[in-house]
């Protein structure tokens, strides 16, 4: 089995190092400009040691994960001398294997494996990684190697081309990052009736869990509930009036999201054609 090394000891690199080590992959070392980060990494991964430079790490490992921020992947790769047959991969969702071109021209094999998962903190990321979907961009034999790793982590797999990567990552940002933004905006509204954002979070967690279960089990469009799904035009009108009073900056966003929701309600069959027209008119004013 190939020995693994990591350049970058942040949440993604550390999570991969911990979980792959648990599955029997030999993780020999890590390199990072942050000494505390590498100490945390080596403390979590048995048998792993800190290397003083990226080159020293690369010289010691058969397969190197570059788990830096996206903007540093290509510069880090360019700054290392790679050897024939060595494997070099990154874990970015938006960057393609082209960012590893300097390794490829030296005879190394390249690829990328992106966990479709949220990495807010080390402990939670380690807990969340197994069972994630992994986006893999690679040619053989690296494709098979990364597939085996994803399966060892009990993950689902989606194979991507370089042309797919940015749209794939934009979709993930909408699904995850902007979901956070919407929940922040929603819970901040609670301050207008004497409650706190924390009160809103507590109230919404069961609602959000239920919604996720509905999405998973019922799928689209059946999972949609609420006033648009019911064709409740009067309620939507009252929503808009309240937002105009208390949060006018959110009116345009509410209308835009509502217009995208109307077709889902129609597909579900619970929103009649005449109510859909009425809602479209109201949300386009």
Protein backbone atom coordinates (compact mmCIF):
# COMPACT_ATOMS: atom_id res chain seq x y z
CA UNK A 1 0.00 0.00 0.00
CA UNK A 2 1.27 3.48 -0.87
CA UNK A 3 2.49 5.73 1.91
CA UNK A 4 0.56 8.99 2.25
CA UNK A 5 1.73 12.50 3.06
CA UNK A 6 -0.16 15.77 3.50
CA UNK A 7 0.88 19.28 2.62
CA UNK A 8 -1.61 21.34 4.60
CA UNK A 9 -2.79 20.52 8.12
CA UNK A 10 -6.10 22.36 8.11
CA UNK A 11 -9.52 20.78 8.67
CA UNK A 12 -9.66 18.98 5.29
CA UNK A 13 -6.15 17.55 5.39
CA UNK A 14 -6.41 16.55 9.03
CA UNK A 15 -9.79 14.90 8.52
CA UNK A 16 -8.57 12.88 5.55
CA UNK A 17 -5.38 11.95 7.41
CA UNK A 18 -7.28 10.72 10.47
CA UNK A 19 -9.92 8.77 8.60
CA UNK A 20 -7.60 7.17 6.02
CA UNK A 21 -5.17 6.20 8.76
CA UNK A 22 -8.04 4.49 10.60
CA UNK A 23 -8.72 2.48 7.45
CA UNK A 24 -5.16 1.18 7.37
CA UNK A 25 -3.57 3.65 4.98
CA UNK A 26 -0.04 4.49 6.21
CA UNK A 27 0.17 8.24 6.75
CA UNK A 28 3.87 9.01 7.16
CA UNK A 29 3.88 12.75 7.58
CA UNK A 30 2.55 16.26 7.26
CA UNK A 31 4.02 19.65 6.36
CA UNK A 32 2.49 23.04 7.12
CA UNK A 33 3.76 26.52 7.94
CA UNK A 34 1.66 26.35 11.13
CA UNK A 35 3.47 24.36 13.81
CA UNK A 36 0.35 24.08 16.04
CA UNK A 37 -1.61 22.69 13.07
CA UNK A 38 1.00 20.03 12.36
CA UNK A 39 1.22 19.15 16.04
CA UNK A 40 -2.55 18.66 16.12
CA UNK A 41 -2.32 16.51 12.98
CA UNK A 42 0.48 14.31 14.32
CA UNK A 43 -1.33 14.01 17.63
CA UNK A 44 -4.39 12.59 15.88
CA UNK A 45 -2.64 10.35 13.33
CA UNK A 46 -0.59 7.56 14.86
CA UNK A 47 2.86 7.03 13.33
CA UNK A 48 2.81 10.35 11.50
CA UNK A 49 5.57 12.94 11.89
CA UNK A 50 6.06 16.58 11.03
CA UNK A 51 8.31 17.48 8.10
CA UNK A 52 10.12 20.80 8.03
CA UNK A 53 9.50 21.42 4.33
CA UNK A 54 7.08 20.47 1.57
CA UNK A 55 9.94 18.90 -0.37
CA UNK A 56 11.01 16.71 2.53
CA UNK A 57 7.42 15.52 2.90
CA UNK A 58 7.12 14.80 -0.82
CA UNK A 59 10.38 12.86 -0.81
CA UNK A 60 9.05 10.60 1.97
CA UNK A 61 5.60 9.74 0.58
CA UNK A 62 4.35 7.78 -2.41
CA UNK A 63 1.09 9.74 -2.57
CA UNK A 64 0.86 13.39 -1.55
CA UNK A 65 -2.35 15.26 -0.74
CA UNK A 66 -2.06 19.03 -1.22
CA UNK A 67 -4.75 20.20 1.18
CA UNK A 68 -4.04 23.91 1.24
CA UNK A 69 -6.47 26.69 0.36
CA UNK A 70 -7.40 26.59 -3.33
CA UNK A 71 -5.27 29.59 -4.31
CA UNK A 72 -2.13 27.90 -2.98
CA UNK A 73 -2.51 24.49 -4.63
CA UNK A 74 -0.73 25.39 -7.87
CA UNK A 75 2.09 27.42 -6.22
CA UNK A 76 2.74 24.64 -3.67
CA UNK A 77 2.78 22.03 -6.41
CA UNK A 78 5.14 24.11 -8.54
CA UNK A 79 7.51 24.56 -5.60
CA UNK A 80 8.13 20.81 -5.21
CA UNK A 81 10.25 18.47 -7.31
CA UNK A 82 8.20 15.35 -8.00
CA UNK A 83 9.37 11.92 -9.09
CA UNK A 84 8.21 9.60 -11.84
CA UNK A 85 5.15 7.58 -10.87
CA UNK A 86 4.45 9.50 -7.67
CA UNK A 87 0.79 10.38 -7.05
CA UNK A 88 -0.22 13.97 -6.31
CA UNK A 89 -3.82 14.90 -5.52
CA UNK A 90 -5.77 17.79 -4.08
CA UNK A 91 -9.16 17.97 -2.34
CA UNK A 92 -10.61 21.13 -3.87
CA UNK A 93 -14.11 21.15 -5.27
CA UNK A 94 -13.59 24.05 -7.67
CA UNK A 95 -9.98 23.57 -8.79
CA UNK A 96 -9.27 21.03 -11.52
CA UNK A 97 -6.31 18.72 -11.97
CA UNK A 98 -4.78 21.47 -14.12
CA UNK A 99 -3.56 23.07 -10.89
CA UNK A 100 -1.26 20.03 -10.54
CA UNK A 101 0.17 20.36 -14.05
CA UNK A 102 3.71 21.00 -12.81
CA UNK A 103 3.68 17.58 -11.12
CA UNK A 104 2.25 15.86 -14.18
CA UNK A 105 4.93 17.18 -16.51
CA UNK A 106 7.56 15.75 -14.14
CA UNK A 107 6.05 12.29 -14.51
CA UNK A 108 3.79 12.21 -11.47
CA UNK A 109 0.18 10.98 -11.70
CA UNK A 110 -2.42 13.52 -10.63
CA UNK A 111 -6.04 13.65 -9.51
CA UNK A 112 -8.49 15.27 -7.14
CA UNK A 113 -10.97 13.98 -4.58
CA UNK A 114 -13.44 16.44 -3.08
CA UNK A 115 -15.62 15.53 -0.11
CA UNK A 116 -19.08 17.04 -0.52
CA UNK A 117 -19.16 17.91 3.16
CA UNK A 118 -18.93 20.88 5.53
CA UNK A 119 -15.66 21.44 7.41
CA UNK A 120 -16.54 23.96 10.11
CA UNK A 121 -14.26 22.38 12.73
CA UNK A 122 -11.86 19.45 13.08
CA UNK A 123 -13.87 17.22 15.42
CA UNK A 124 -17.15 17.69 13.57
CA UNK A 125 -15.47 17.23 10.18
CA UNK A 126 -13.89 13.94 11.29
CA UNK A 127 -17.30 12.76 12.45
CA UNK A 128 -19.03 13.87 9.24
CA UNK A 129 -16.61 12.56 6.59
CA UNK A 130 -17.64 8.86 6.46
CA UNK A 131 -20.67 8.42 4.25
CA UNK A 132 -20.08 11.64 2.29
CA UNK A 133 -20.19 11.85 -1.48
CA UNK A 134 -16.76 12.26 -3.05
CA UNK A 135 -16.25 14.06 -6.35
CA UNK A 136 -13.33 12.41 -8.17
CA UNK A 137 -11.44 13.79 -11.15
CA UNK A 138 -8.61 11.54 -12.31
CA UNK A 139 -7.42 9.15 -14.98
CA UNK A 140 -6.39 5.58 -14.30
CA UNK A 141 -4.72 4.28 -12.20
CA UNK A 142 -5.29 7.23 -9.83
CA UNK A 143 -9.05 7.04 -10.46
CA UNK A 144 -9.15 3.53 -9.04
CA UNK A 145 -6.95 4.50 -6.08
CA UNK A 146 -9.21 7.41 -5.14
CA UNK A 147 -12.32 5.29 -5.66
CA UNK A 148 -10.97 2.70 -3.23
CA UNK A 149 -10.30 5.43 -0.67
CA UNK A 150 -13.82 6.83 -1.02
CA UNK A 151 -15.28 3.35 -0.60
CA UNK A 152 -13.09 2.75 2.47
CA UNK A 153 -14.73 5.88 3.90
CA UNK A 154 -18.17 4.41 3.09
CA UNK A 155 -18.77 7.21 0.63
CA UNK A 156 -20.79 7.60 -2.53
CA UNK A 157 -18.84 8.60 -5.65
CA UNK A 158 -19.43 10.98 -8.52
CA UNK A 159 -16.86 11.11 -11.34
CA UNK A 160 -16.18 14.56 -12.76
CA UNK A 161 -14.33 16.13 -15.65
CA UNK A 162 -12.43 19.40 -15.48
CA UNK A 163 -15.35 21.04 -17.26
CA UNK A 164 -17.74 19.83 -14.54
CA UNK A 165 -15.82 21.06 -11.53
CA UNK A 166 -16.79 24.72 -11.18
CA UNK A 167 -20.52 24.15 -11.72
CA UNK A 168 -20.39 21.16 -9.36
CA UNK A 169 -18.82 23.37 -6.70
CA UNK A 170 -21.18 26.29 -7.32
CA UNK A 171 -24.10 23.93 -6.80
CA UNK A 172 -22.59 22.75 -3.51
CA UNK A 173 -22.15 26.37 -2.40
CA UNK A 174 -25.83 27.07 -3.08
CA UNK A 175 -26.90 23.89 -1.25
CA UNK A 176 -24.67 24.40 1.80
CA UNK A 177 -23.19 27.89 2.18
CA UNK A 178 -26.22 29.87 1.06
CA UNK A 179 -28.44 27.63 3.16
CA UNK A 180 -26.49 28.97 6.15
CA UNK A 181 -27.01 32.52 4.91
CA UNK A 182 -30.77 32.04 4.55
CA UNK A 183 -31.05 30.56 8.05
CA UNK A 184 -29.05 33.50 9.44
CA UNK A 185 -31.38 35.98 7.75
CA UNK A 186 -34.44 34.09 8.99
CA UNK A 187 -33.30 33.86 12.61
CA UNK A 188 -32.21 37.51 12.65
CA UNK A 189 -35.84 38.46 11.97
CA UNK A 190 -36.72 37.15 15.44
CA UNK A 191 -35.08 40.25 16.93
CA UNK A 192 -38.01 42.27 15.55
CA UNK A 193 -40.45 40.56 17.91
CA UNK A 194 -38.33 40.56 21.04
CA UNK A 195 -36.53 37.25 20.64
CA UNK A 196 -32.95 36.34 19.81
CA UNK A 197 -31.33 34.65 16.84
CA UNK A 198 -30.52 31.77 19.20
CA UNK A 199 -34.24 31.40 19.94
CA UNK A 200 -34.84 31.14 16.21
CA UNK A 201 -32.16 28.50 15.77
CA UNK A 202 -33.65 26.40 18.56
CA UNK A 203 -37.11 26.68 17.03
CA UNK A 204 -35.98 25.90 13.50
CA UNK A 205 -33.75 22.89 14.11
CA UNK A 206 -36.64 20.38 14.32
CA UNK A 207 -38.21 22.08 11.28
CA UNK A 208 -34.98 21.85 9.29
CA UNK A 209 -34.38 18.23 10.28
CA UNK A 210 -37.91 17.40 9.20
CA UNK A 211 -37.40 19.21 5.90
CA UNK A 212 -34.20 17.29 5.20
CA UNK A 213 -35.98 14.02 5.95
CA UNK A 214 -38.76 15.04 3.56
CA UNK A 215 -36.26 15.89 0.82
CA UNK A 216 -34.51 12.56 1.29
CA UNK A 217 -37.62 10.39 1.57
CA UNK A 218 -40.24 12.18 -0.53
CA UNK A 219 -37.93 13.97 -2.97
CA UNK A 220 -38.83 16.88 -5.20
CA UNK A 221 -41.49 18.18 -5.66
CA UNK A 222 -43.44 16.29 -2.97
CA UNK A 223 -41.23 17.58 -0.14
CA UNK A 224 -42.39 21.19 -0.66
CA UNK A 225 -44.74 22.55 2.00
CA UNK A 226 -45.86 26.04 2.96
CA UNK A 227 -48.00 28.84 1.54
CA UNK A 228 -46.74 28.70 -2.05
CA UNK A 229 -47.33 24.95 -2.20
CA UNK A 230 -50.87 25.63 -0.95
CA UNK A 231 -51.48 28.62 -3.22
CA UNK A 232 -52.07 30.84 -0.20
CA UNK A 233 -51.71 34.21 -1.93
CA UNK A 234 -53.05 36.22 1.00
CA UNK A 235 -50.35 34.84 3.31
CA UNK A 236 -47.59 35.67 0.83
CA UNK A 237 -48.99 39.21 0.54
CA UNK A 238 -48.88 39.56 4.34
CA UNK A 239 -45.29 38.22 4.38
CA UNK A 240 -44.25 40.90 1.91
CA UNK A 241 -45.94 43.65 3.89
CA UNK A 242 -44.19 42.57 7.10
CA UNK A 243 -40.80 42.39 5.36
CA UNK A 244 -41.30 45.84 3.82
CA UNK A 245 -41.77 47.16 7.35
CA UNK A 246 -39.10 45.28 9.26
CA UNK A 247 -36.55 44.06 6.73
CA UNK A 248 -36.93 45.87 3.40
CA UNK A 249 -33.55 44.57 2.20
CA UNK A 250 -35.02 41.05 2.18
CA UNK A 251 -38.04 41.79 0.01
CA UNK A 252 -36.23 41.26 -3.30
CA UNK A 253 -34.67 38.01 -2.05
CA UNK A 254 -38.03 36.74 -0.77
CA UNK A 255 -39.66 37.49 -4.12
CA UNK A 256 -36.86 35.86 -6.11
CA UNK A 257 -36.94 32.68 -4.03
CA UNK A 258 -40.72 32.67 -4.23
CA UNK A 259 -40.67 32.83 -8.03
CA UNK A 260 -38.35 29.81 -8.11
CA UNK A 261 -40.68 28.01 -5.67
CA UNK A 262 -43.87 28.46 -7.71
CA UNK A 263 -42.93 25.86 -10.37
CA UNK A 264 -42.15 23.33 -7.63
CA UNK A 265 -45.61 23.83 -6.21
CA UNK A 266 -47.10 23.35 -9.67
CA UNK A 267 -45.09 20.18 -10.23
CA UNK A 268 -46.35 18.88 -6.88
CA UNK A 269 -49.90 19.37 -8.08
CA UNK A 270 -51.00 21.32 -5.02
CA UNK A 271 -50.70 24.76 -6.67
CA UNK A 272 -53.36 25.46 -9.28
CA UNK A 273 -52.58 27.25 -12.54
CA UNK A 274 -54.62 30.35 -11.65
CA UNK A 275 -53.00 30.64 -8.21
CA UNK A 276 -49.56 30.22 -9.81
CA UNK A 277 -50.29 33.12 -12.17
CA UNK A 278 -51.48 35.26 -9.25
CA UNK A 279 -48.38 34.43 -7.23
CA UNK A 280 -46.07 35.14 -10.16
CA UNK A 281 -47.70 38.52 -10.61
CA UNK A 282 -47.40 39.36 -6.90
CA UNK A 283 -43.78 38.21 -6.67
CA UNK A 284 -42.77 40.10 -9.81
CA UNK A 285 -44.13 43.49 -8.74
